[in-house]
């Protein structure tokens, strides 16, 4: 029997990647239609009751008519979309978490939702290390000076140079797929790694207070949960040694950004590097745009060609399991993992 599938890709996880992966992984006949979402040209945002989605409810409802399986990255699986799509049975989100899906409503409707854990672990770990080095070596600032025709020899002064990773203590807050890769990379630099994560038991695991007080570098890798929201605030930053570096390539809600700016303005932190923010895009007039010694990238730590390809392969593999009648490997509503 032919299964109707909607590939709702975007300009990163492209439809051609999703379709190629489906054709490689899935046995039997598929009737594949396409809908191209505008992300990242148009930023994601809240849509209905879900977050971080492309605002395409109407287009998605039309494209899902008669469709049983949808593979996507940014499509909004809202209650409104579910109510209008009675034939939908599998919604595959090619992200590390299906934040753009209403899991409660999907479960009520009998729609299994899958995701793609670890898809961007390598890219994000590499970006994290790049941010650590860029903040410590002031690479963006010195490049901008040189590009403007200014040779800043004063950056060689002792009070302006940063620490080395070799022999330094680096604290990782969160030790999932990304944190573990960062740890392995840091070992090659000769750093000592401390870990705070209540869900793992590994060498170097310590309480958050000890990690902050001992670490010259701190990098955030925790998931966004009610427990982790605001976990690094003014008191936690103050507990870090003077001259430390703080990096966040995880989620903006983990960190108090006003406290971060205060610590950079006062010189308590040597530098910081952020890939995620409390509001994206950063609004005009934000302190973040004028705070010294702060390096920023626009939420692209996970952006690599390999990430997009892996994402497509992971969701296609779960479509294949669905077609074969096997349990889904990465199901966010486990009661529907078995067909």
C-alpha atoms as a PDB file:
ATOM      1  CA  UNK A   1       0.000   0.000   0.000  1.00  0.00           C
ATOM      2  CA  UNK A   2       1.291   3.464  -0.883  1.00  0.00           C
ATOM      3  CA  UNK A   3       1.836   5.796   2.081  1.00  0.00           C
ATOM      4  CA  UNK A   4       1.376   9.515   1.588  1.00  0.00           C
ATOM      5  CA  UNK A   5       4.201  11.555   3.099  1.00  0.00           C
ATOM      6  CA  UNK A   6       4.671  15.311   3.370  1.00  0.00           C
ATOM      7  CA  UNK A   7       8.247  16.595   3.349  1.00  0.00           C
ATOM      8  CA  UNK A   8       7.958  19.989   5.033  1.00  0.00           C
ATOM      9  CA  UNK A   9      11.596  21.028   4.928  1.00  0.00           C
ATOM     10  CA  UNK A  10      13.165  24.461   4.972  1.00  0.00           C
ATOM     11  CA  UNK A  11      16.349  26.164   3.801  1.00  0.00           C
ATOM     12  CA  UNK A  12      18.552  24.150   6.174  1.00  0.00           C
ATOM     13  CA  UNK A  13      17.058  20.664   6.423  1.00  0.00           C
ATOM     14  CA  UNK A  14      16.019  20.835   2.801  1.00  0.00           C
ATOM     15  CA  UNK A  15      13.292  18.776   1.189  1.00  0.00           C
ATOM     16  CA  UNK A  16      15.809  17.147  -1.129  1.00  0.00           C
ATOM     17  CA  UNK A  17      17.723  15.839   1.918  1.00  0.00           C
ATOM     18  CA  UNK A  18      14.532  14.528   3.520  1.00  0.00           C
ATOM     19  CA  UNK A  19      13.334  12.905   0.296  1.00  0.00           C
ATOM     20  CA  UNK A  20      16.722  11.336  -0.480  1.00  0.00           C
ATOM     21  CA  UNK A  21      16.862   9.881   3.042  1.00  0.00           C
ATOM     22  CA  UNK A  22      13.297   8.560   2.794  1.00  0.00           C
ATOM     23  CA  UNK A  23      14.028   6.869  -0.519  1.00  0.00           C
ATOM     24  CA  UNK A  24      17.151   5.216   0.924  1.00  0.00           C
ATOM     25  CA  UNK A  25      15.652   4.124   4.239  1.00  0.00           C
ATOM     26  CA  UNK A  26      11.988   3.363   3.670  1.00  0.00           C
ATOM     27  CA  UNK A  27      10.779   0.137   2.078  1.00  0.00           C
ATOM     28  CA  UNK A  28       7.760   0.162  -0.221  1.00  0.00           C
ATOM     29  CA  UNK A  29       6.038   2.900  -2.146  1.00  0.00           C
ATOM     30  CA  UNK A  30       5.809   6.454  -0.864  1.00  0.00           C
ATOM     31  CA  UNK A  31       3.737   9.239  -2.370  1.00  0.00           C
ATOM     32  CA  UNK A  32       5.825  12.255  -1.316  1.00  0.00           C
ATOM     33  CA  UNK A  33       4.587  15.836  -1.544  1.00  0.00           C
ATOM     34  CA  UNK A  34       6.546  18.933  -0.549  1.00  0.00           C
ATOM     35  CA  UNK A  35       6.084  22.142   1.402  1.00  0.00           C
ATOM     36  CA  UNK A  36       9.052  24.491   1.846  1.00  0.00           C
ATOM     37  CA  UNK A  37       9.067  26.501   5.074  1.00  0.00           C
ATOM     38  CA  UNK A  38      10.751  29.922   5.258  1.00  0.00           C
ATOM     39  CA  UNK A  39      13.194  29.257   8.135  1.00  0.00           C
ATOM     40  CA  UNK A  40      15.906  30.503   8.658  1.00  0.00           C
ATOM     41  CA  UNK A  41      15.245  33.390   6.257  1.00  0.00           C
ATOM     42  CA  UNK A  42      12.204  34.112   8.423  1.00  0.00           C
ATOM     43  CA  UNK A  43      12.950  33.461  12.129  1.00  0.00           C
ATOM     44  CA  UNK A  44      10.917  30.918  14.064  1.00  0.00           C
ATOM     45  CA  UNK A  45       8.666  31.971  16.912  1.00  0.00           C
ATOM     46  CA  UNK A  46       5.601  30.948  18.893  1.00  0.00           C
ATOM     47  CA  UNK A  47       2.752  29.582  16.777  1.00  0.00           C
ATOM     48  CA  UNK A  48      -0.487  28.832  18.557  1.00  0.00           C
ATOM     49  CA  UNK A  49       0.480  26.935  21.687  1.00  0.00           C
ATOM     50  CA  UNK A  50       3.902  25.717  20.463  1.00  0.00           C
ATOM     51  CA  UNK A  51       7.295  27.418  20.367  1.00  0.00           C
ATOM     52  CA  UNK A  52      10.128  27.775  17.856  1.00  0.00           C
ATOM     53  CA  UNK A  53       8.058  27.032  14.766  1.00  0.00           C
ATOM     54  CA  UNK A  54       7.475  28.567  11.359  1.00  0.00           C
ATOM     55  CA  UNK A  55       4.186  30.455  11.192  1.00  0.00           C
ATOM     56  CA  UNK A  56       2.614  28.326   8.458  1.00  0.00           C
ATOM     57  CA  UNK A  57      -0.437  26.746  10.088  1.00  0.00           C
ATOM     58  CA  UNK A  58      -2.753  27.442   7.140  1.00  0.00           C
ATOM     59  CA  UNK A  59      -0.283  26.196   4.519  1.00  0.00           C
ATOM     60  CA  UNK A  60       0.505  23.118   6.601  1.00  0.00           C
ATOM     61  CA  UNK A  61      -3.159  22.214   7.057  1.00  0.00           C
ATOM     62  CA  UNK A  62      -3.671  22.367   3.302  1.00  0.00           C
ATOM     63  CA  UNK A  63      -0.533  20.325   2.584  1.00  0.00           C
ATOM     64  CA  UNK A  64      -1.480  17.631   5.135  1.00  0.00           C
ATOM     65  CA  UNK A  65      -4.783  16.719   3.483  1.00  0.00           C
ATOM     66  CA  UNK A  66      -4.736  12.952   3.058  1.00  0.00           C
ATOM     67  CA  UNK A  67      -1.197  12.689   4.468  1.00  0.00           C
ATOM     68  CA  UNK A  68      -0.268   9.936   6.938  1.00  0.00           C
ATOM     69  CA  UNK A  69       3.357  10.886   7.687  1.00  0.00           C
ATOM     70  CA  UNK A  70       5.026  14.307   7.930  1.00  0.00           C
ATOM     71  CA  UNK A  71       8.790  14.839   8.134  1.00  0.00           C
ATOM     72  CA  UNK A  72       9.866  18.359   9.028  1.00  0.00           C
ATOM     73  CA  UNK A  73      12.055  20.567  11.173  1.00  0.00           C
ATOM     74  CA  UNK A  74      10.008  23.684  11.890  1.00  0.00           C
ATOM     75  CA  UNK A  75       6.377  22.902  11.009  1.00  0.00           C
ATOM     76  CA  UNK A  76       3.960  23.709  13.875  1.00  0.00           C
ATOM     77  CA  UNK A  77       2.039  20.684  15.138  1.00  0.00           C
ATOM     78  CA  UNK A  78      -0.655  22.630  16.960  1.00  0.00           C
ATOM     79  CA  UNK A  79      -4.047  21.447  18.138  1.00  0.00           C
ATOM     80  CA  UNK A  80      -5.563  23.341  15.213  1.00  0.00           C
ATOM     81  CA  UNK A  81      -3.341  21.478  12.731  1.00  0.00           C
ATOM     82  CA  UNK A  82      -4.144  18.140  14.387  1.00  0.00           C
ATOM     83  CA  UNK A  83      -7.887  18.776  14.339  1.00  0.00           C
ATOM     84  CA  UNK A  84      -7.690  19.493  10.603  1.00  0.00           C
ATOM     85  CA  UNK A  85      -5.518  16.436   9.805  1.00  0.00           C
ATOM     86  CA  UNK A  86      -7.396  13.285  10.896  1.00  0.00           C
ATOM     87  CA  UNK A  87      -5.314  10.998   8.681  1.00  0.00           C
ATOM     88  CA  UNK A  88      -1.979  12.026  10.195  1.00  0.00           C
ATOM     89  CA  UNK A  89      -0.341   9.248  12.228  1.00  0.00           C
ATOM     90  CA  UNK A  90       3.375  10.118  12.377  1.00  0.00           C
ATOM     91  CA  UNK A  91       5.019  13.529  12.739  1.00  0.00           C
ATOM     92  CA  UNK A  92       8.830  13.421  12.571  1.00  0.00           C
ATOM     93  CA  UNK A  93      10.747  16.468  13.812  1.00  0.00           C
ATOM     94  CA  UNK A  94      14.362  16.576  12.634  1.00  0.00           C
ATOM     95  CA  UNK A  95      15.546  18.449  15.755  1.00  0.00           C
ATOM     96  CA  UNK A  96      17.048  17.497  19.074  1.00  0.00           C
ATOM     97  CA  UNK A  97      13.647  18.026  20.711  1.00  0.00           C
ATOM     98  CA  UNK A  98      10.123  18.437  19.274  1.00  0.00           C
ATOM     99  CA  UNK A  99       9.437  21.852  20.823  1.00  0.00           C
ATOM    100  CA  UNK A 100       7.283  22.760  17.818  1.00  0.00           C
ATOM    101  CA  UNK A 101       4.823  19.935  18.559  1.00  0.00           C
ATOM    102  CA  UNK A 102       1.947  19.877  21.036  1.00  0.00           C
ATOM    103  CA  UNK A 103       2.676  16.447  22.487  1.00  0.00           C
ATOM    104  CA  UNK A 104      -0.430  16.297  24.642  1.00  0.00           C
ATOM    105  CA  UNK A 105      -2.730  17.051  21.722  1.00  0.00           C
ATOM    106  CA  UNK A 106      -0.763  14.722  19.420  1.00  0.00           C
ATOM    107  CA  UNK A 107      -1.113  11.854  21.887  1.00  0.00           C
ATOM    108  CA  UNK A 108      -4.841  12.475  22.228  1.00  0.00           C
ATOM    109  CA  UNK A 109      -5.108  12.382  18.428  1.00  0.00           C
ATOM    110  CA  UNK A 110      -3.073   9.178  18.147  1.00  0.00           C
ATOM    111  CA  UNK A 111      -0.191  10.888  16.325  1.00  0.00           C
ATOM    112  CA  UNK A 112       3.286   9.642  17.226  1.00  0.00           C
ATOM    113  CA  UNK A 113       5.917  12.391  17.360  1.00  0.00           C
ATOM    114  CA  UNK A 114       9.579  11.563  16.831  1.00  0.00           C
ATOM    115  CA  UNK A 115      12.718  13.691  16.988  1.00  0.00           C
ATOM    116  CA  UNK A 116      16.405  13.519  16.080  1.00  0.00           C
ATOM    117  CA  UNK A 117      18.618  13.387  19.191  1.00  0.00           C
ATOM    118  CA  UNK A 118      22.306  14.032  18.671  1.00  0.00           C
ATOM    119  CA  UNK A 119      21.899  15.382  15.152  1.00  0.00           C
ATOM    120  CA  UNK A 120      23.938  18.519  15.859  1.00  0.00           C
ATOM    121  CA  UNK A 121      26.200  17.261  18.657  1.00  0.00           C
ATOM    122  CA  UNK A 122      29.413  17.446  16.632  1.00  0.00           C
ATOM    123  CA  UNK A 123      28.673  20.853  15.111  1.00  0.00           C
ATOM    124  CA  UNK A 124      27.646  22.389  18.431  1.00  0.00           C
ATOM    125  CA  UNK A 125      30.641  20.959  20.255  1.00  0.00           C
ATOM    126  CA  UNK A 126      33.003  22.345  17.622  1.00  0.00           C
ATOM    127  CA  UNK A 127      31.290  25.732  17.750  1.00  0.00           C
ATOM    128  CA  UNK A 128      31.532  25.757  21.543  1.00  0.00           C
ATOM    129  CA  UNK A 129      35.266  25.204  21.382  1.00  0.00           C
ATOM    130  CA  UNK A 130      35.591  27.919  18.740  1.00  0.00           C
ATOM    131  CA  UNK A 131      33.696  30.330  20.977  1.00  0.00           C
ATOM    132  CA  UNK A 132      35.886  29.486  23.979  1.00  0.00           C
ATOM    133  CA  UNK A 133      39.012  30.231  21.975  1.00  0.00           C
ATOM    134  CA  UNK A 134      37.604  33.311  20.251  1.00  0.00           C
ATOM    135  CA  UNK A 135      36.557  34.881  23.546  1.00  0.00           C
ATOM    136  CA  UNK A 136      39.848  34.076  25.254  1.00  0.00           C
ATOM    137  CA  UNK A 137      42.038  35.252  22.355  1.00  0.00           C
ATOM    138  CA  UNK A 138      39.767  38.215  21.503  1.00  0.00           C
ATOM    139  CA  UNK A 139      39.780  37.120  17.864  1.00  0.00           C
ATOM    140  CA  UNK A 140      36.721  39.071  16.648  1.00  0.00           C
ATOM    141  CA  UNK A 141      37.834  42.298  18.333  1.00  0.00           C
ATOM    142  CA  UNK A 142      41.393  42.178  17.031  1.00  0.00           C
ATOM    143  CA  UNK A 143      40.206  41.275  13.528  1.00  0.00           C
ATOM    144  CA  UNK A 144      37.814  44.242  13.544  1.00  0.00           C
ATOM    145  CA  UNK A 145      40.643  46.546  14.627  1.00  0.00           C
ATOM    146  CA  UNK A 146      42.935  45.294  11.865  1.00  0.00           C
ATOM    147  CA  UNK A 147      40.177  45.513   9.256  1.00  0.00           C
ATOM    148  CA  UNK A 148      39.695  49.109  10.346  1.00  0.00           C
ATOM    149  CA  UNK A 149      43.373  49.873   9.844  1.00  0.00           C
ATOM    150  CA  UNK A 150      44.308  49.872  13.541  1.00  0.00           C
ATOM    151  CA  UNK A 151      47.231  47.802  14.880  1.00  0.00           C
ATOM    152  CA  UNK A 152      46.467  47.207  18.582  1.00  0.00           C
ATOM    153  CA  UNK A 153      49.785  46.264  20.131  1.00  0.00           C
ATOM    154  CA  UNK A 154      48.335  47.028  23.554  1.00  0.00           C
ATOM    155  CA  UNK A 155      46.409  43.751  23.402  1.00  0.00           C
ATOM    156  CA  UNK A 156      49.741  42.115  24.263  1.00  0.00           C
ATOM    157  CA  UNK A 157      49.748  43.742  27.711  1.00  0.00           C
ATOM    158  CA  UNK A 158      49.571  41.263  30.579  1.00  0.00           C
ATOM    159  CA  UNK A 159      46.323  42.720  31.888  1.00  0.00           C
ATOM    160  CA  UNK A 160      44.680  42.297  28.465  1.00  0.00           C
ATOM    161  CA  UNK A 161      45.694  38.763  27.546  1.00  0.00           C
ATOM    162  CA  UNK A 162      43.551  35.783  28.448  1.00  0.00           C
ATOM    163  CA  UNK A 163      44.290  32.376  29.967  1.00  0.00           C
ATOM    164  CA  UNK A 164      45.218  29.175  28.140  1.00  0.00           C
ATOM    165  CA  UNK A 165      43.033  26.090  28.030  1.00  0.00           C
ATOM    166  CA  UNK A 166      46.055  23.906  28.751  1.00  0.00           C
ATOM    167  CA  UNK A 167      46.168  23.370  32.492  1.00  0.00           C
ATOM    168  CA  UNK A 168      42.937  25.302  33.104  1.00  0.00           C
ATOM    169  CA  UNK A 169      39.780  23.940  34.685  1.00  0.00           C
ATOM    170  CA  UNK A 170      36.715  23.996  32.450  1.00  0.00           C
ATOM    171  CA  UNK A 171      33.259  23.474  33.936  1.00  0.00           C
ATOM    172  CA  UNK A 172      30.534  21.907  31.780  1.00  0.00           C
ATOM    173  CA  UNK A 173      26.997  22.491  33.012  1.00  0.00           C
ATOM    174  CA  UNK A 174      25.129  19.624  31.360  1.00  0.00           C
ATOM    175  CA  UNK A 175      26.703  16.440  30.071  1.00  0.00           C
ATOM    176  CA  UNK A 176      24.590  15.097  27.262  1.00  0.00           C
ATOM    177  CA  UNK A 177      25.764  14.285  23.749  1.00  0.00           C
ATOM    178  CA  UNK A 178      27.219  17.771  23.223  1.00  0.00           C
ATOM    179  CA  UNK A 179      28.827  18.123  26.638  1.00  0.00           C
ATOM    180  CA  UNK A 180      30.538  14.741  26.281  1.00  0.00           C
ATOM    181  CA  UNK A 181      32.019  15.734  22.924  1.00  0.00           C
ATOM    182  CA  UNK A 182      33.226  19.064  24.280  1.00  0.00           C
ATOM    183  CA  UNK A 183      34.871  17.198  27.151  1.00  0.00           C
ATOM    184  CA  UNK A 184      36.771  14.934  24.755  1.00  0.00           C
ATOM    185  CA  UNK A 185      37.947  17.915  22.725  1.00  0.00           C
ATOM    186  CA  UNK A 186      39.109  19.738  25.847  1.00  0.00           C
ATOM    187  CA  UNK A 187      41.140  16.729  26.903  1.00  0.00           C
ATOM    188  CA  UNK A 188      43.215  17.233  23.764  1.00  0.00           C
ATOM    189  CA  UNK A 189      43.994  20.756  24.947  1.00  0.00           C
ATOM    190  CA  UNK A 190      45.182  19.543  28.336  1.00  0.00           C
ATOM    191  CA  UNK A 191      42.277  21.017  30.295  1.00  0.00           C
ATOM    192  CA  UNK A 192      40.808  19.560  33.478  1.00  0.00           C
ATOM    193  CA  UNK A 193      37.048  19.082  33.057  1.00  0.00           C
ATOM    194  CA  UNK A 194      34.442  19.357  35.814  1.00  0.00           C
ATOM    195  CA  UNK A 195      30.844  18.346  35.196  1.00  0.00           C
ATOM    196  CA  UNK A 196      27.537  19.310  36.769  1.00  0.00           C
ATOM    197  CA  UNK A 197      24.604  17.179  35.627  1.00  0.00           C
ATOM    198  CA  UNK A 198      22.183  15.466  38.031  1.00  0.00           C
ATOM    199  CA  UNK A 199      21.401  12.775  35.445  1.00  0.00           C
ATOM    200  CA  UNK A 200      24.885  11.349  34.951  1.00  0.00           C
ATOM    201  CA  UNK A 201      27.566   9.788  37.133  1.00  0.00           C
ATOM    202  CA  UNK A 202      31.001  10.452  35.639  1.00  0.00           C
ATOM    203  CA  UNK A 203      34.498  11.292  36.880  1.00  0.00           C
ATOM    204  CA  UNK A 204      34.766  14.998  37.649  1.00  0.00           C
ATOM    205  CA  UNK A 205      31.107  15.363  38.596  1.00  0.00           C
ATOM    206  CA  UNK A 206      30.602  18.075  41.221  1.00  0.00           C
ATOM    207  CA  UNK A 207      27.859  20.299  42.561  1.00  0.00           C
ATOM    208  CA  UNK A 208      27.220  23.504  40.619  1.00  0.00           C
ATOM    209  CA  UNK A 209      28.677  25.721  43.351  1.00  0.00           C
ATOM    210  CA  UNK A 210      31.989  23.856  43.320  1.00  0.00           C
ATOM    211  CA  UNK A 211      32.132  23.833  39.522  1.00  0.00           C
ATOM    212  CA  UNK A 212      31.635  27.597  39.341  1.00  0.00           C
ATOM    213  CA  UNK A 213      34.178  28.408  42.046  1.00  0.00           C
ATOM    214  CA  UNK A 214      36.909  26.218  40.500  1.00  0.00           C
ATOM    215  CA  UNK A 215      36.417  26.815  36.770  1.00  0.00           C
ATOM    216  CA  UNK A 216      38.317  29.356  34.709  1.00  0.00           C
ATOM    217  CA  UNK A 217      35.977  28.590  31.837  1.00  0.00           C
ATOM    218  CA  UNK A 218      32.298  27.626  32.128  1.00  0.00           C
ATOM    219  CA  UNK A 219      30.259  26.289  29.231  1.00  0.00           C
ATOM    220  CA  UNK A 220      26.504  25.676  29.396  1.00  0.00           C
ATOM    221  CA  UNK A 221      25.020  22.537  27.828  1.00  0.00           C
ATOM    222  CA  UNK A 222      21.888  21.872  29.880  1.00  0.00           C
ATOM    223  CA  UNK A 223      18.445  21.412  28.369  1.00  0.00           C
ATOM    224  CA  UNK A 224      15.783  24.052  28.946  1.00  0.00           C
ATOM    225  CA  UNK A 225      13.492  22.797  31.723  1.00  0.00           C
ATOM    226  CA  UNK A 226      11.670  24.488  34.606  1.00  0.00           C
ATOM    227  CA  UNK A 227      14.563  23.371  36.854  1.00  0.00           C
ATOM    228  CA  UNK A 228      17.314  24.842  34.638  1.00  0.00           C
ATOM    229  CA  UNK A 229      15.588  28.105  33.720  1.00  0.00           C
ATOM    230  CA  UNK A 230      17.609  30.958  35.227  1.00  0.00           C
ATOM    231  CA  UNK A 231      20.104  28.559  36.804  1.00  0.00           C
ATOM    232  CA  UNK A 232      23.020  30.945  36.117  1.00  0.00           C
ATOM    233  CA  UNK A 233      22.302  34.351  37.593  1.00  0.00           C
ATOM    234  CA  UNK A 234      24.187  37.144  39.335  1.00  0.00           C
ATOM    235  CA  UNK A 235      25.152  35.025  42.357  1.00  0.00           C
ATOM    236  CA  UNK A 236      26.445  32.169  40.210  1.00  0.00           C
ATOM    237  CA  UNK A 237      28.487  34.477  37.966  1.00  0.00           C
ATOM    238  CA  UNK A 238      29.913  36.223  41.023  1.00  0.00           C
ATOM    239  CA  UNK A 239      31.036  32.810  42.314  1.00  0.00           C
ATOM    240  CA  UNK A 240      33.242  32.324  39.245  1.00  0.00           C
ATOM    241  CA  UNK A 241      36.884  33.396  39.616  1.00  0.00           C
ATOM    242  CA  UNK A 242      37.689  36.922  38.445  1.00  0.00           C
ATOM    243  CA  UNK A 243      38.873  36.855  34.840  1.00  0.00           C
ATOM    244  CA  UNK A 244      36.777  33.834  33.854  1.00  0.00           C
ATOM    245  CA  UNK A 245      35.090  33.136  30.524  1.00  0.00           C
ATOM    246  CA  UNK A 246      31.450  32.062  30.164  1.00  0.00           C
ATOM    247  CA  UNK A 247      30.012  30.399  27.040  1.00  0.00           C
ATOM    248  CA  UNK A 248      26.405  29.527  26.215  1.00  0.00           C
ATOM    249  CA  UNK A 249      25.637  27.501  23.095  1.00  0.00           C
ATOM    250  CA  UNK A 250      22.661  25.736  24.700  1.00  0.00           C
ATOM    251  CA  UNK A 251      19.538  27.744  25.541  1.00  0.00           C
ATOM    252  CA  UNK A 252      18.991  31.407  26.385  1.00  0.00           C
ATOM    253  CA  UNK A 253      16.713  30.682  29.351  1.00  0.00           C
ATOM    254  CA  UNK A 254      19.582  29.122  31.304  1.00  0.00           C
ATOM    255  CA  UNK A 255      21.260  32.474  31.890  1.00  0.00           C
ATOM    256  CA  UNK A 256      20.422  35.897  33.338  1.00  0.00           C
ATOM    257  CA  UNK A 257      21.745  38.127  30.547  1.00  0.00           C
ATOM    258  CA  UNK A 258      21.522  41.347  32.546  1.00  0.00           C
ATOM    259  CA  UNK A 259      23.770  39.744  35.156  1.00  0.00           C
ATOM    260  CA  UNK A 260      26.108  38.659  32.354  1.00  0.00           C
ATOM    261  CA  UNK A 261      26.329  42.219  31.027  1.00  0.00           C
ATOM    262  CA  UNK A 262      26.956  43.562  34.536  1.00  0.00           C
ATOM    263  CA  UNK A 263      29.837  41.106  35.026  1.00  0.00           C
ATOM    264  CA  UNK A 264      31.405  42.081  31.700  1.00  0.00           C
ATOM    265  CA  UNK A 265      30.945  45.807  32.336  1.00  0.00           C
ATOM    266  CA  UNK A 266      32.631  45.493  35.739  1.00  0.00           C
ATOM    267  CA  UNK A 267      35.475  43.356  34.386  1.00  0.00           C
ATOM    268  CA  UNK A 268      34.649  40.418  36.661  1.00  0.00           C
ATOM    269  CA  UNK A 269      34.408  38.239  33.562  1.00  0.00           C
ATOM    270  CA  UNK A 270      37.290  38.409  31.094  1.00  0.00           C
ATOM    271  CA  UNK A 271      34.932  37.566  28.276  1.00  0.00           C
ATOM    272  CA  UNK A 272      31.832  35.709  27.201  1.00  0.00           C
ATOM    273  CA  UNK A 273      30.550  34.088  24.035  1.00  0.00           C
ATOM    274  CA  UNK A 274      26.850  33.538  23.351  1.00  0.00           C
ATOM    275  CA  UNK A 275      25.045  31.715  20.555  1.00  0.00           C
ATOM    276  CA  UNK A 276      21.588  31.818  22.176  1.00  0.00           C
ATOM    277  CA  UNK A 277      19.603  34.661  23.691  1.00  0.00           C
ATOM    278  CA  UNK A 278      16.500  35.408  25.777  1.00  0.00           C
ATOM    279  CA  UNK A 279      14.860  36.972  22.720  1.00  0.00           C
ATOM    280  CA  UNK A 280      15.748  36.070  19.152  1.00  0.00           C
ATOM    281  CA  UNK A 281      16.485  38.064  17.065  1.00  0.00           C
ATOM    282  CA  UNK A 282      18.130  40.378  19.604  1.00  0.00           C
ATOM    283  CA  UNK A 283      15.978  43.518  19.822  1.00  0.00           C
ATOM    284  CA  UNK A 284      17.386  46.918  18.926  1.00  0.00           C
ATOM    285  CA  UNK A 285      18.645  48.732  22.001  1.00  0.00           C
ATOM    286  CA  UNK A 286      19.562  45.561  23.878  1.00  0.00           C
ATOM    287  CA  UNK A 287      22.518  45.837  26.268  1.00  0.00           C
ATOM    288  CA  UNK A 288      23.998  42.818  24.540  1.00  0.00           C
ATOM    289  CA  UNK A 289      24.786  44.928  21.492  1.00  0.00           C
ATOM    290  CA  UNK A 290      27.048  47.326  23.409  1.00  0.00           C
ATOM    291  CA  UNK A 291      28.513  45.253  26.257  1.00  0.00           C
ATOM    292  CA  UNK A 292      32.319  44.901  25.970  1.00  0.00           C
ATOM    293  CA  UNK A 293      34.167  41.618  25.505  1.00  0.00           C
ATOM    294  CA  UNK A 294      31.038  39.763  24.418  1.00  0.00           C
ATOM    295  CA  UNK A 295      31.143  37.612  21.277  1.00  0.00           C
ATOM    296  CA  UNK A 296      27.844  36.641  19.691  1.00  0.00           C
ATOM    297  CA  UNK A 297      26.666  34.369  16.895  1.00  0.00           C
ATOM    298  CA  UNK A 298      23.012  34.134  15.771  1.00  0.00           C
ATOM    299  CA  UNK A 299      21.972  30.714  17.132  1.00  0.00           C
ATOM    300  CA  UNK A 300      23.952  28.748  14.567  1.00  0.00           C
ATOM    301  CA  UNK A 301      26.159  26.503  16.700  1.00  0.00           C
ATOM    302  CA  UNK A 302      24.473  23.438  15.252  1.00  0.00           C
ATOM    303  CA  UNK A 303      24.681  24.630  11.667  1.00  0.00           C
ATOM    304  CA  UNK A 304      26.717  22.308   9.467  1.00  0.00           C
ATOM    305  CA  UNK A 305      26.014  20.339   6.324  1.00  0.00           C
ATOM    306  CA  UNK A 306      26.489  17.144   8.305  1.00  0.00           C
ATOM    307  CA  UNK A 307      23.849  18.203  10.855  1.00  0.00           C
ATOM    308  CA  UNK A 308      21.223  18.615   8.139  1.00  0.00           C
ATOM    309  CA  UNK A 309      22.095  15.263   6.551  1.00  0.00           C
ATOM    310  CA  UNK A 310      22.076  13.432   9.907  1.00  0.00           C
ATOM    311  CA  UNK A 311      18.746  15.011  10.831  1.00  0.00           C
ATOM    312  CA  UNK A 312      17.149  13.763   7.623  1.00  0.00           C
ATOM    313  CA  UNK A 313      18.584  10.273   8.096  1.00  0.00           C
ATOM    314  CA  UNK A 314      17.401   9.974  11.703  1.00  0.00           C
ATOM    315  CA  UNK A 315      13.793  10.889  10.942  1.00  0.00           C
ATOM    316  CA  UNK A 316      13.753   8.751   7.774  1.00  0.00           C
ATOM    317  CA  UNK A 317      14.910   5.767   9.826  1.00  0.00           C
ATOM    318  CA  UNK A 318      11.910   6.166  12.134  1.00  0.00           C
ATOM    319  CA  UNK A 319       9.584   6.429   9.132  1.00  0.00           C
ATOM    320  CA  UNK A 320      11.079   3.127   7.969  1.00  0.00           C
ATOM    321  CA  UNK A 321      10.363   1.561  11.378  1.00  0.00           C
ATOM    322  CA  UNK A 322       6.794   2.817  11.190  1.00  0.00           C
ATOM    323  CA  UNK A 323       6.318   1.298   7.734  1.00  0.00           C
ATOM    324  CA  UNK A 324       7.743  -2.051   8.896  1.00  0.00           C
ATOM    325  CA  UNK A 325       5.554  -2.046  11.995  1.00  0.00           C
ATOM    326  CA  UNK A 326       8.538  -1.806  14.362  1.00  0.00           C
ATOM    327  CA  UNK A 327       8.765   0.337  17.530  1.00  0.00           C
ATOM    328  CA  UNK A 328       9.916   3.887  16.886  1.00  0.00           C
ATOM    329  CA  UNK A 329      13.440   4.630  18.135  1.00  0.00           C
ATOM    330  CA  UNK A 330      12.991   8.287  19.110  1.00  0.00           C
ATOM    331  CA  UNK A 331       9.368   8.748  20.100  1.00  0.00           C
ATOM    332  CA  UNK A 332       8.502  11.764  22.266  1.00  0.00           C
ATOM    333  CA  UNK A 333       5.111  10.329  23.267  1.00  0.00           C
ATOM    334  CA  UNK A 334       6.197   6.775  24.168  1.00  0.00           C
ATOM    335  CA  UNK A 335       2.682   5.363  24.487  1.00  0.00           C
ATOM    336  CA  UNK A 336       2.516   5.584  20.671  1.00  0.00           C
ATOM    337  CA  UNK A 337       6.005   4.234  19.939  1.00  0.00           C
ATOM    338  CA  UNK A 338       4.658   0.852  18.877  1.00  0.00           C
ATOM    339  CA  UNK A 339       2.222   0.664  15.995  1.00  0.00           C
END
